Each structure stands twice: as structure tokens, then as C-alpha cells.
Amino acid sequence: MGDIPLRIYHNNRCSKSRAACQLIADRGFEVEVVDYLKTPPSRDELRALLDKLGMKPAELVRRGEAVFKENYAGRSLSDDEWLDALAAHPILIERPIVVRGERAVLGRPPEKVLELL
């Protein structure tokens, strides 16, 4: 499993995301960093990430963001509608997400990434 590449969906402004990157680097792993606000995952990529995480789209939504409060607070959306929202507003995607092969974890707390190393 040592040669399976790591990918992190990262926001450098997020302390949890930076901490997850540091944990990975401290253990000598190379990681592909995806700044998901600049290069957001497509709807299909989001679906694949959610499958690897074992999560539903609503569980990946950052509810403290202004976009959520203005557009989605108090609404009940289907999985497909949440996927559309996450694809349209990548700031809503909880971070960091670390992927290794067919597994992924949400790095909250950042130490969760150790499960993949």
C-alpha cells in the first residue's frame, strides 16, 4: 500500500486542511494537492468521493458558509440536489478530503488522515 498515491482536496485558508497536509508530510508521504476552490471536482467526481467516504452529499456540506445560509438553510434537498449545490458552490464542500486508492477520509479532525497512511 506504500506506493498508492495520496490526493488531498485542500483549502490553504483552512487550518484543518493545512494540519492534514502537515501530518502527511511529517510521515514522508508525497501527496497530490488539489485546490478544490480553483479546480473544483465535477459532479461525477463528487459522487465518486462520496462513495469512497461512505457519506451522503448532505453530510459533506459546510453549513456555516454564507452561501449555505443564503441559499440552502432550512431546505430539505435530495442527494441529487445536494450534489448540484456542491458542484455549483465548491466552498460548501467540507475539507480536507484525503483519498488513497479506493478509500477516502474527511480530515476532521486532521488526525483522521492517519487512517489512510
N, C-alpha and C. Protein backbone atom coordinates (compact mmCIF):
# COMPACT_ATOMS: atom_id res chain seq x y z
N MET A 1 0.82 -1.19 0.00
CA MET A 1 0.00 0.00 0.00
C MET A 1 0.87 1.25 0.00
N GLY A 2 2.16 1.10 0.20
CA GLY A 2 3.05 2.24 0.28
C GLY A 2 3.16 3.04 -1.00
N ASP A 3 2.87 2.42 -2.16
CA ASP A 3 3.03 3.14 -3.41
C ASP A 3 1.71 3.64 -3.98
N ILE A 4 0.64 3.53 -3.23
CA ILE A 4 -0.64 4.07 -3.68
C ILE A 4 -0.63 5.57 -3.40
N PRO A 5 -0.82 6.38 -4.45
CA PRO A 5 -0.71 7.82 -4.27
C PRO A 5 -1.83 8.40 -3.39
N LEU A 6 -1.48 9.49 -2.74
CA LEU A 6 -2.42 10.23 -1.91
C LEU A 6 -2.83 11.50 -2.65
N ARG A 7 -4.08 11.87 -2.49
CA ARG A 7 -4.58 13.13 -3.02
C ARG A 7 -5.35 13.82 -1.90
N ILE A 8 -5.15 15.12 -1.76
CA ILE A 8 -5.90 15.87 -0.76
C ILE A 8 -6.64 17.01 -1.45
N TYR A 9 -7.93 17.09 -1.17
CA TYR A 9 -8.74 18.22 -1.61
C TYR A 9 -8.61 19.25 -0.50
N HIS A 10 -7.93 20.35 -0.83
CA HIS A 10 -7.34 21.24 0.14
C HIS A 10 -7.77 22.69 -0.09
N ASN A 11 -7.91 23.41 1.03
CA ASN A 11 -8.09 24.86 1.00
C ASN A 11 -7.02 25.42 1.93
N ASN A 12 -6.06 26.14 1.38
CA ASN A 12 -4.94 26.62 2.16
C ASN A 12 -5.36 27.60 3.26
N ARG A 13 -6.54 28.19 3.15
CA ARG A 13 -7.01 29.12 4.17
C ARG A 13 -7.60 28.40 5.37
N CYS A 14 -7.74 27.09 5.27
CA CYS A 14 -8.36 26.29 6.34
C CYS A 14 -7.28 25.66 7.22
N SER A 15 -7.32 25.93 8.51
CA SER A 15 -6.31 25.39 9.43
C SER A 15 -6.36 23.87 9.48
N LYS A 16 -7.54 23.28 9.43
CA LYS A 16 -7.65 21.81 9.47
C LYS A 16 -7.02 21.19 8.23
N SER A 17 -7.24 21.85 7.09
CA SER A 17 -6.68 21.36 5.84
C SER A 17 -5.15 21.46 5.87
N ARG A 18 -4.61 22.58 6.35
CA ARG A 18 -3.16 22.73 6.46
C ARG A 18 -2.58 21.70 7.43
N ALA A 19 -3.27 21.46 8.53
CA ALA A 19 -2.80 20.48 9.52
C ALA A 19 -2.76 19.08 8.93
N ALA A 20 -3.75 18.73 8.12
CA ALA A 20 -3.76 17.41 7.48
C ALA A 20 -2.58 17.28 6.52
N CYS A 21 -2.31 18.32 5.74
CA CYS A 21 -1.14 18.30 4.84
C CYS A 21 0.14 18.10 5.63
N GLN A 22 0.25 18.77 6.76
CA GLN A 22 1.46 18.68 7.57
C GLN A 22 1.63 17.27 8.15
N LEU A 23 0.54 16.66 8.60
CA LEU A 23 0.61 15.29 9.13
C LEU A 23 1.12 14.33 8.06
N ILE A 24 0.62 14.51 6.84
CA ILE A 24 1.04 13.63 5.74
C ILE A 24 2.52 13.86 5.43
N ALA A 25 2.93 15.13 5.34
CA ALA A 25 4.33 15.45 5.03
C ALA A 25 5.26 14.96 6.13
N ASP A 26 4.84 15.10 7.39
CA ASP A 26 5.68 14.68 8.52
C ASP A 26 5.97 13.19 8.48
N ARG A 27 5.11 12.43 7.84
CA ARG A 27 5.30 10.98 7.75
C ARG A 27 5.99 10.58 6.44
N GLY A 28 6.42 11.56 5.68
CA GLY A 28 7.22 11.28 4.49
C GLY A 28 6.43 10.89 3.27
N PHE A 29 5.14 11.11 3.28
CA PHE A 29 4.32 10.76 2.13
C PHE A 29 4.24 11.94 1.17
N GLU A 30 4.30 11.62 -0.11
CA GLU A 30 4.02 12.64 -1.11
C GLU A 30 2.53 12.65 -1.36
N VAL A 31 2.03 13.84 -1.65
CA VAL A 31 0.60 13.96 -1.84
C VAL A 31 0.32 14.93 -2.98
N GLU A 32 -0.66 14.58 -3.79
CA GLU A 32 -1.14 15.49 -4.83
C GLU A 32 -2.13 16.43 -4.16
N VAL A 33 -1.85 17.71 -4.22
CA VAL A 33 -2.72 18.70 -3.60
C VAL A 33 -3.64 19.29 -4.65
N VAL A 34 -4.95 19.19 -4.38
CA VAL A 34 -5.95 19.76 -5.27
C VAL A 34 -6.59 20.94 -4.54
N ASP A 35 -6.35 22.14 -5.04
CA ASP A 35 -7.02 23.33 -4.50
C ASP A 35 -8.42 23.31 -5.09
N TYR A 36 -9.35 22.73 -4.35
CA TYR A 36 -10.66 22.45 -4.92
C TYR A 36 -11.50 23.71 -5.15
N LEU A 37 -11.08 24.85 -4.63
CA LEU A 37 -11.79 26.08 -4.95
C LEU A 37 -11.37 26.61 -6.32
N LYS A 38 -10.12 26.34 -6.72
CA LYS A 38 -9.64 26.76 -8.04
C LYS A 38 -9.98 25.73 -9.11
N THR A 39 -9.89 24.46 -8.75
CA THR A 39 -10.21 23.37 -9.69
C THR A 39 -11.21 22.44 -9.00
N PRO A 40 -12.47 22.86 -8.94
CA PRO A 40 -13.47 22.06 -8.21
C PRO A 40 -13.75 20.72 -8.86
N PRO A 41 -14.06 19.73 -8.02
CA PRO A 41 -14.43 18.43 -8.58
C PRO A 41 -15.77 18.53 -9.32
N SER A 42 -15.88 17.76 -10.38
CA SER A 42 -17.15 17.70 -11.12
C SER A 42 -18.19 16.96 -10.28
N ARG A 43 -19.40 17.01 -10.74
CA ARG A 43 -20.48 16.29 -10.05
C ARG A 43 -20.14 14.79 -9.97
N ASP A 44 -19.61 14.22 -11.06
CA ASP A 44 -19.25 12.80 -11.07
C ASP A 44 -18.09 12.52 -10.10
N GLU A 45 -17.11 13.43 -10.05
CA GLU A 45 -16.02 13.27 -9.11
C GLU A 45 -16.53 13.35 -7.67
N LEU A 46 -17.46 14.26 -7.42
CA LEU A 46 -18.05 14.36 -6.09
C LEU A 46 -18.75 13.06 -5.70
N ARG A 47 -19.50 12.49 -6.62
CA ARG A 47 -20.20 11.22 -6.37
C ARG A 47 -19.19 10.14 -6.02
N ALA A 48 -18.09 10.06 -6.78
CA ALA A 48 -17.05 9.05 -6.52
C ALA A 48 -16.41 9.29 -5.15
N LEU A 49 -16.14 10.55 -4.81
CA LEU A 49 -15.57 10.87 -3.50
C LEU A 49 -16.51 10.44 -2.38
N LEU A 50 -17.78 10.74 -2.54
CA LEU A 50 -18.77 10.39 -1.52
C LEU A 50 -18.85 8.88 -1.35
N ASP A 51 -18.76 8.14 -2.45
CA ASP A 51 -18.78 6.67 -2.37
C ASP A 51 -17.57 6.18 -1.57
N LYS A 52 -16.40 6.77 -1.82
CA LYS A 52 -15.18 6.36 -1.09
C LYS A 52 -15.26 6.76 0.38
N LEU A 53 -15.91 7.88 0.65
CA LEU A 53 -16.06 8.35 2.03
C LEU A 53 -17.15 7.58 2.77
N GLY A 54 -18.08 6.98 2.01
CA GLY A 54 -19.23 6.33 2.64
C GLY A 54 -20.19 7.35 3.23
N MET A 55 -20.31 8.49 2.55
CA MET A 55 -21.15 9.58 3.05
C MET A 55 -22.21 9.95 2.03
N LYS A 56 -23.25 10.60 2.53
CA LYS A 56 -24.27 11.19 1.67
C LYS A 56 -23.88 12.64 1.39
N PRO A 57 -24.33 13.20 0.26
CA PRO A 57 -23.95 14.57 -0.08
C PRO A 57 -24.23 15.59 1.03
N ALA A 58 -25.35 15.47 1.70
CA ALA A 58 -25.69 16.44 2.75
C ALA A 58 -24.68 16.43 3.89
N GLU A 59 -24.01 15.28 4.11
CA GLU A 59 -23.03 15.17 5.19
C GLU A 59 -21.73 15.90 4.88
N LEU A 60 -21.54 16.28 3.63
CA LEU A 60 -20.31 16.93 3.20
C LEU A 60 -20.46 18.45 3.11
N VAL A 61 -21.63 18.94 3.46
CA VAL A 61 -21.94 20.37 3.31
C VAL A 61 -21.46 21.17 4.52
N ARG A 62 -20.73 22.25 4.24
CA ARG A 62 -20.30 23.20 5.27
C ARG A 62 -21.46 24.16 5.52
N ARG A 63 -22.12 23.99 6.64
CA ARG A 63 -23.34 24.75 6.92
C ARG A 63 -23.08 26.15 7.48
N GLY A 64 -21.83 26.45 7.78
CA GLY A 64 -21.51 27.78 8.30
C GLY A 64 -21.21 28.80 7.21
N GLU A 65 -21.11 28.34 5.98
CA GLU A 65 -20.78 29.24 4.88
C GLU A 65 -21.96 30.14 4.53
N ALA A 66 -21.64 31.37 4.11
CA ALA A 66 -22.69 32.33 3.73
C ALA A 66 -23.56 31.78 2.61
N VAL A 67 -22.95 31.10 1.64
CA VAL A 67 -23.71 30.53 0.51
C VAL A 67 -24.77 29.57 1.03
N PHE A 68 -24.41 28.77 2.04
CA PHE A 68 -25.39 27.84 2.62
C PHE A 68 -26.52 28.63 3.28
N LYS A 69 -26.15 29.57 4.12
CA LYS A 69 -27.15 30.33 4.88
C LYS A 69 -28.10 31.08 3.95
N GLU A 70 -27.56 31.62 2.86
CA GLU A 70 -28.37 32.42 1.94
C GLU A 70 -29.24 31.56 1.02
N ASN A 71 -28.77 30.38 0.66
CA ASN A 71 -29.46 29.60 -0.38
C ASN A 71 -30.07 28.28 0.08
N TYR A 72 -29.55 27.70 1.16
CA TYR A 72 -29.95 26.32 1.48
C TYR A 72 -30.45 26.10 2.89
N ALA A 73 -30.21 27.03 3.79
CA ALA A 73 -30.61 26.85 5.20
C ALA A 73 -32.11 26.61 5.28
N GLY A 74 -32.47 25.60 6.06
CA GLY A 74 -33.88 25.29 6.27
C GLY A 74 -34.53 24.53 5.13
N ARG A 75 -33.78 24.22 4.10
CA ARG A 75 -34.34 23.48 2.96
C ARG A 75 -33.99 22.01 3.07
N SER A 76 -34.88 21.19 2.59
CA SER A 76 -34.64 19.75 2.55
C SER A 76 -34.37 19.37 1.10
N LEU A 77 -33.14 19.00 0.81
CA LEU A 77 -32.74 18.67 -0.56
C LEU A 77 -32.48 17.18 -0.71
N SER A 78 -32.70 16.69 -1.91
CA SER A 78 -32.38 15.29 -2.22
C SER A 78 -30.87 15.17 -2.41
N ASP A 79 -30.38 13.94 -2.47
CA ASP A 79 -28.96 13.71 -2.72
C ASP A 79 -28.53 14.39 -4.03
N ASP A 80 -29.34 14.26 -5.07
CA ASP A 80 -29.00 14.87 -6.37
C ASP A 80 -28.96 16.39 -6.25
N GLU A 81 -29.88 16.97 -5.53
CA GLU A 81 -29.89 18.43 -5.36
C GLU A 81 -28.67 18.90 -4.56
N TRP A 82 -28.28 18.13 -3.53
CA TRP A 82 -27.08 18.49 -2.79
C TRP A 82 -25.84 18.37 -3.67
N LEU A 83 -25.78 17.33 -4.51
CA LEU A 83 -24.65 17.19 -5.44
C LEU A 83 -24.57 18.41 -6.36
N ASP A 84 -25.72 18.84 -6.86
CA ASP A 84 -25.76 20.04 -7.71
C ASP A 84 -25.24 21.25 -6.94
N ALA A 85 -25.65 21.39 -5.68
CA ALA A 85 -25.23 22.52 -4.86
C ALA A 85 -23.73 22.49 -4.61
N LEU A 86 -23.19 21.33 -4.28
CA LEU A 86 -21.75 21.20 -4.03
C LEU A 86 -20.94 21.47 -5.30
N ALA A 87 -21.44 21.02 -6.44
CA ALA A 87 -20.75 21.27 -7.70
C ALA A 87 -20.80 22.75 -8.07
N ALA A 88 -21.93 23.38 -7.80
CA ALA A 88 -22.10 24.79 -8.15
C ALA A 88 -21.35 25.72 -7.20
N HIS A 89 -21.22 25.30 -5.93
CA HIS A 89 -20.60 26.13 -4.89
C HIS A 89 -19.57 25.31 -4.13
N PRO A 90 -18.37 25.11 -4.70
CA PRO A 90 -17.38 24.25 -4.05
C PRO A 90 -16.99 24.71 -2.64
N ILE A 91 -17.21 25.97 -2.30
CA ILE A 91 -16.92 26.45 -0.94
C ILE A 91 -17.74 25.66 0.09
N LEU A 92 -18.83 25.06 -0.36
CA LEU A 92 -19.68 24.27 0.55
C LEU A 92 -19.10 22.90 0.87
N ILE A 93 -18.07 22.46 0.15
CA ILE A 93 -17.50 21.13 0.37
C ILE A 93 -16.64 21.15 1.64
N GLU A 94 -16.98 20.27 2.57
CA GLU A 94 -16.20 20.14 3.80
C GLU A 94 -14.80 19.67 3.43
N ARG A 95 -13.83 20.11 4.20
CA ARG A 95 -12.43 19.83 3.91
C ARG A 95 -11.68 19.50 5.18
N PRO A 96 -10.52 18.93 5.02
CA PRO A 96 -9.93 18.37 3.81
C PRO A 96 -10.43 16.95 3.56
N ILE A 97 -10.43 16.55 2.31
CA ILE A 97 -10.73 15.17 1.94
C ILE A 97 -9.43 14.57 1.42
N VAL A 98 -9.04 13.44 1.99
CA VAL A 98 -7.83 12.75 1.56
C VAL A 98 -8.23 11.41 0.96
N VAL A 99 -7.69 11.13 -0.23
CA VAL A 99 -8.03 9.92 -0.97
C VAL A 99 -6.77 9.10 -1.18
N ARG A 100 -6.92 7.81 -0.98
CA ARG A 100 -5.84 6.86 -1.27
C ARG A 100 -6.48 5.62 -1.86
N GLY A 101 -6.29 5.42 -3.15
CA GLY A 101 -6.90 4.28 -3.82
C GLY A 101 -8.42 4.38 -3.77
N GLU A 102 -9.03 3.33 -3.26
CA GLU A 102 -10.49 3.29 -3.19
C GLU A 102 -11.04 3.75 -1.85
N ARG A 103 -10.16 4.33 -1.02
CA ARG A 103 -10.59 4.79 0.30
C ARG A 103 -10.40 6.30 0.41
N ALA A 104 -11.21 6.91 1.24
CA ALA A 104 -11.08 8.34 1.50
C ALA A 104 -11.53 8.62 2.92
N VAL A 105 -10.99 9.71 3.49
CA VAL A 105 -11.44 10.16 4.80
C VAL A 105 -11.59 11.67 4.75
N LEU A 106 -12.48 12.14 5.58
CA LEU A 106 -12.63 13.56 5.82
C LEU A 106 -11.75 13.89 7.01
N GLY A 107 -10.79 14.78 6.81
CA GLY A 107 -9.79 15.07 7.84
C GLY A 107 -10.29 16.01 8.92
N ARG A 108 -11.36 15.63 9.58
CA ARG A 108 -11.91 16.39 10.69
C ARG A 108 -12.15 15.43 11.82
N PRO A 109 -11.30 15.39 12.81
CA PRO A 109 -10.09 16.20 12.98
C PRO A 109 -9.00 15.74 12.01
N PRO A 110 -7.95 16.56 11.82
CA PRO A 110 -6.90 16.21 10.84
C PRO A 110 -6.29 14.84 11.07
N GLU A 111 -6.24 14.37 12.32
CA GLU A 111 -5.64 13.07 12.62
C GLU A 111 -6.37 11.91 11.92
N LYS A 112 -7.59 12.14 11.44
CA LYS A 112 -8.32 11.10 10.71
C LYS A 112 -7.54 10.65 9.47
N VAL A 113 -6.71 11.53 8.90
CA VAL A 113 -5.96 11.14 7.70
C VAL A 113 -4.99 10.01 7.99
N LEU A 114 -4.58 9.84 9.24
CA LEU A 114 -3.64 8.78 9.59
C LEU A 114 -4.21 7.40 9.28
N GLU A 115 -5.54 7.29 9.22
CA GLU A 115 -6.18 6.00 8.88
C GLU A 115 -5.77 5.52 7.49
N LEU A 116 -5.39 6.43 6.62
CA LEU A 116 -5.02 6.06 5.24
C LEU A 116 -3.53 5.83 5.07
N LEU A 117 -2.72 6.22 6.04
CA LEU A 117 -1.26 6.14 5.88
C LEU A 117 -0.71 4.79 6.30
